[in-house]
């Protein structure tokens, strides 16, 4: 079964210390929201004819996460 990085990390953590189910659900929901939001950013880029190499895409993703963190503080 394929799993996301968050799912794998939570599974490893659960084996050691335990974690509330609500925390697991929240982490997975946050990851899902980030993936969907970033997909919209990429779709906008593609609609504008912007194509990025892998390194440039990683940079754009890091910028996106930084923007999200600032957005979340509001």
N, C-alpha and C. Protein backbone atom coordinates (compact mmCIF):
# COMPACT_ATOMS: atom_id res chain seq x y z
N UNK A 1 0.84 -1.18 0.00
CA UNK A 1 0.00 0.00 0.00
C UNK A 1 0.89 1.25 0.00
N UNK A 2 0.57 2.18 -0.88
CA UNK A 2 1.32 3.43 -0.90
C UNK A 2 0.83 4.30 0.24
N UNK A 3 1.75 5.09 0.80
CA UNK A 3 1.37 6.02 1.85
C UNK A 3 2.17 7.30 1.71
N UNK A 4 1.60 8.37 2.20
CA UNK A 4 2.30 9.65 2.15
C UNK A 4 3.39 9.67 3.20
N UNK A 5 4.24 10.67 3.10
CA UNK A 5 5.31 10.82 4.09
C UNK A 5 4.73 11.04 5.49
N UNK A 6 3.67 11.80 5.57
CA UNK A 6 3.04 12.05 6.87
C UNK A 6 2.47 10.75 7.44
N UNK A 7 1.82 9.96 6.60
CA UNK A 7 1.28 8.68 7.07
C UNK A 7 2.40 7.78 7.59
N UNK A 8 3.50 7.72 6.86
CA UNK A 8 4.62 6.90 7.29
C UNK A 8 5.18 7.38 8.63
N UNK A 9 5.37 8.70 8.74
CA UNK A 9 5.92 9.26 9.96
C UNK A 9 5.00 9.00 11.15
N UNK A 10 3.72 9.18 10.95
CA UNK A 10 2.77 8.93 12.03
C UNK A 10 2.77 7.46 12.44
N UNK A 11 2.88 6.58 11.45
CA UNK A 11 2.93 5.15 11.74
C UNK A 11 4.16 4.83 12.60
N UNK A 12 5.30 5.43 12.26
CA UNK A 12 6.51 5.20 13.04
C UNK A 12 6.36 5.73 14.46
N UNK A 13 5.76 6.89 14.58
CA UNK A 13 5.57 7.52 15.88
C UNK A 13 4.59 6.71 16.73
N UNK A 14 3.54 6.22 16.10
CA UNK A 14 2.54 5.43 16.82
C UNK A 14 3.15 4.16 17.40
N UNK A 15 4.10 3.59 16.70
CA UNK A 15 4.76 2.37 17.19
C UNK A 15 5.53 2.64 18.47
N UNK A 16 6.02 3.86 18.64
CA UNK A 16 6.87 4.18 19.79
C UNK A 16 6.08 4.74 20.97
N UNK A 17 5.41 5.86 20.78
CA UNK A 17 4.84 6.60 21.90
C UNK A 17 3.33 6.66 21.94
N UNK A 18 2.72 6.45 20.84
CA UNK A 18 1.28 6.62 20.78
C UNK A 18 0.93 8.07 20.46
N UNK A 19 -0.22 8.24 19.88
CA UNK A 19 -0.64 9.56 19.44
C UNK A 19 -2.15 9.53 19.35
N UNK A 20 -2.79 10.61 19.73
CA UNK A 20 -4.25 10.67 19.69
C UNK A 20 -4.72 10.57 18.24
N UNK A 21 -5.81 9.84 18.03
CA UNK A 21 -6.36 9.70 16.68
C UNK A 21 -6.71 11.06 16.08
N UNK A 22 -7.17 11.96 16.91
CA UNK A 22 -7.53 13.29 16.40
C UNK A 22 -6.30 14.02 15.85
N UNK A 23 -5.14 13.80 16.48
CA UNK A 23 -3.90 14.41 15.98
C UNK A 23 -3.53 13.83 14.63
N UNK A 24 -3.68 12.52 14.49
CA UNK A 24 -3.37 11.86 13.22
C UNK A 24 -4.30 12.38 12.14
N UNK A 25 -5.58 12.44 12.43
CA UNK A 25 -6.55 12.92 11.45
C UNK A 25 -6.26 14.36 11.04
N UNK A 26 -5.91 15.19 12.00
CA UNK A 26 -5.61 16.59 11.70
C UNK A 26 -4.37 16.71 10.83
N UNK A 27 -3.34 15.94 11.13
CA UNK A 27 -2.11 15.98 10.32
C UNK A 27 -2.40 15.56 8.88
N UNK A 28 -3.18 14.52 8.71
CA UNK A 28 -3.51 14.06 7.36
C UNK A 28 -4.36 15.09 6.62
N UNK A 29 -5.28 15.71 7.32
CA UNK A 29 -6.12 16.74 6.70
C UNK A 29 -5.28 17.95 6.29
N UNK A 30 -4.33 18.34 7.12
CA UNK A 30 -3.45 19.46 6.79
C UNK A 30 -2.62 19.14 5.56
N UNK A 31 -2.10 17.92 5.50
CA UNK A 31 -1.29 17.52 4.35
C UNK A 31 -2.13 17.55 3.08
N UNK A 32 -3.35 17.04 3.17
CA UNK A 32 -4.25 17.02 2.01
C UNK A 32 -4.52 18.45 1.53
N UNK A 33 -4.79 19.36 2.45
CA UNK A 33 -5.05 20.76 2.09
C UNK A 33 -3.84 21.38 1.40
N UNK A 34 -2.64 21.10 1.92
CA UNK A 34 -1.43 21.64 1.30
C UNK A 34 -1.25 21.12 -0.12
N UNK A 35 -1.49 19.84 -0.31
CA UNK A 35 -1.33 19.25 -1.65
C UNK A 35 -2.32 19.87 -2.63
N UNK A 36 -3.56 20.00 -2.21
CA UNK A 36 -4.58 20.58 -3.09
C UNK A 36 -4.26 22.04 -3.38
N UNK A 37 -3.91 22.80 -2.36
CA UNK A 37 -3.58 24.22 -2.56
C UNK A 37 -2.40 24.38 -3.51
N UNK A 38 -1.38 23.55 -3.35
CA UNK A 38 -0.22 23.65 -4.24
C UNK A 38 -0.58 23.23 -5.66
N UNK A 39 -1.47 22.29 -5.79
CA UNK A 39 -1.93 21.88 -7.13
C UNK A 39 -2.56 23.07 -7.86
N UNK A 40 -3.30 23.89 -7.14
CA UNK A 40 -3.88 25.09 -7.75
C UNK A 40 -2.79 26.07 -8.19
N UNK A 41 -1.74 26.21 -7.40
CA UNK A 41 -0.63 27.08 -7.76
C UNK A 41 0.00 26.59 -9.06
N UNK A 42 0.23 25.30 -9.15
CA UNK A 42 0.85 24.73 -10.35
C UNK A 42 -0.09 24.86 -11.54
N UNK A 43 -1.38 24.63 -11.34
CA UNK A 43 -2.34 24.78 -12.43
C UNK A 43 -2.33 26.21 -12.97
N UNK A 44 -2.24 27.18 -12.06
CA UNK A 44 -2.15 28.59 -12.49
C UNK A 44 -0.90 28.81 -13.32
N UNK A 45 0.22 28.26 -12.86
CA UNK A 45 1.48 28.40 -13.62
C UNK A 45 1.32 27.81 -15.02
N UNK A 46 0.77 26.62 -15.09
CA UNK A 46 0.63 25.95 -16.39
C UNK A 46 -0.32 26.72 -17.30
N UNK A 47 -1.38 27.27 -16.73
CA UNK A 47 -2.32 28.06 -17.53
C UNK A 47 -1.65 29.29 -18.12
N UNK A 48 -0.63 29.78 -17.42
CA UNK A 48 0.12 30.96 -17.89
C UNK A 48 1.33 30.58 -18.72
N UNK A 49 1.49 29.28 -18.98
CA UNK A 49 2.62 28.82 -19.79
C UNK A 49 3.93 28.74 -19.05
N UNK A 50 3.89 28.67 -17.72
CA UNK A 50 5.11 28.59 -16.91
C UNK A 50 5.40 27.12 -16.61
N UNK A 51 6.53 26.64 -17.11
CA UNK A 51 6.94 25.26 -16.87
C UNK A 51 8.26 25.29 -16.11
N UNK A 52 8.38 24.47 -15.08
CA UNK A 52 9.55 24.53 -14.21
C UNK A 52 10.30 23.19 -14.20
N UNK A 53 11.61 23.29 -14.09
CA UNK A 53 12.44 22.11 -13.86
C UNK A 53 12.25 21.67 -12.42
N UNK A 54 12.73 20.49 -12.08
CA UNK A 54 12.50 19.94 -10.74
C UNK A 54 13.04 20.86 -9.63
N UNK A 55 14.26 21.36 -9.77
CA UNK A 55 14.84 22.24 -8.75
C UNK A 55 14.01 23.52 -8.59
N UNK A 56 13.57 24.08 -9.70
CA UNK A 56 12.75 25.28 -9.64
C UNK A 56 11.40 24.97 -8.99
N UNK A 57 10.88 23.78 -9.23
CA UNK A 57 9.62 23.37 -8.62
C UNK A 57 9.78 23.23 -7.11
N UNK A 58 10.90 22.68 -6.67
CA UNK A 58 11.16 22.57 -5.23
C UNK A 58 11.23 23.95 -4.59
N UNK A 59 11.89 24.88 -5.28
CA UNK A 59 11.99 26.25 -4.77
C UNK A 59 10.60 26.87 -4.68
N UNK A 60 9.78 26.67 -5.70
CA UNK A 60 8.41 27.22 -5.72
C UNK A 60 7.59 26.61 -4.59
N UNK A 61 7.77 25.33 -4.32
CA UNK A 61 7.04 24.66 -3.24
C UNK A 61 7.46 25.24 -1.89
N UNK A 62 8.75 25.45 -1.69
CA UNK A 62 9.23 26.04 -0.44
C UNK A 62 8.68 27.45 -0.25
N UNK A 63 8.61 28.20 -1.34
CA UNK A 63 8.02 29.54 -1.27
C UNK A 63 6.54 29.43 -0.91
N UNK A 64 5.87 28.46 -1.47
CA UNK A 64 4.45 28.24 -1.18
C UNK A 64 4.25 27.92 0.30
N UNK A 65 5.08 27.05 0.85
CA UNK A 65 4.94 26.70 2.26
C UNK A 65 5.20 27.89 3.16
N UNK A 66 6.20 28.71 2.81
CA UNK A 66 6.49 29.91 3.60
C UNK A 66 5.30 30.85 3.55
N UNK A 67 4.72 31.01 2.39
CA UNK A 67 3.54 31.86 2.23
C UNK A 67 2.38 31.32 3.06
N UNK A 68 2.20 30.00 3.05
CA UNK A 68 1.12 29.37 3.83
C UNK A 68 1.32 29.61 5.32
N UNK A 69 2.56 29.50 5.80
CA UNK A 69 2.82 29.71 7.22
C UNK A 69 2.47 31.13 7.62
N UNK A 70 2.82 32.10 6.77
CA UNK A 70 2.48 33.49 7.06
C UNK A 70 0.97 33.67 7.02
N UNK A 71 0.31 33.01 6.09
CA UNK A 71 -1.13 33.07 5.96
C UNK A 71 -1.83 32.47 7.17
N UNK A 72 -1.27 31.40 7.71
CA UNK A 72 -1.86 30.72 8.85
C UNK A 72 -1.79 31.54 10.12
N UNK A 73 -0.82 32.47 10.19
CA UNK A 73 -0.65 33.30 11.38
C UNK A 73 -1.75 34.36 11.49
N UNK A 74 -2.41 34.63 10.39
CA UNK A 74 -3.43 35.69 10.36
C UNK A 74 -4.68 35.24 11.08
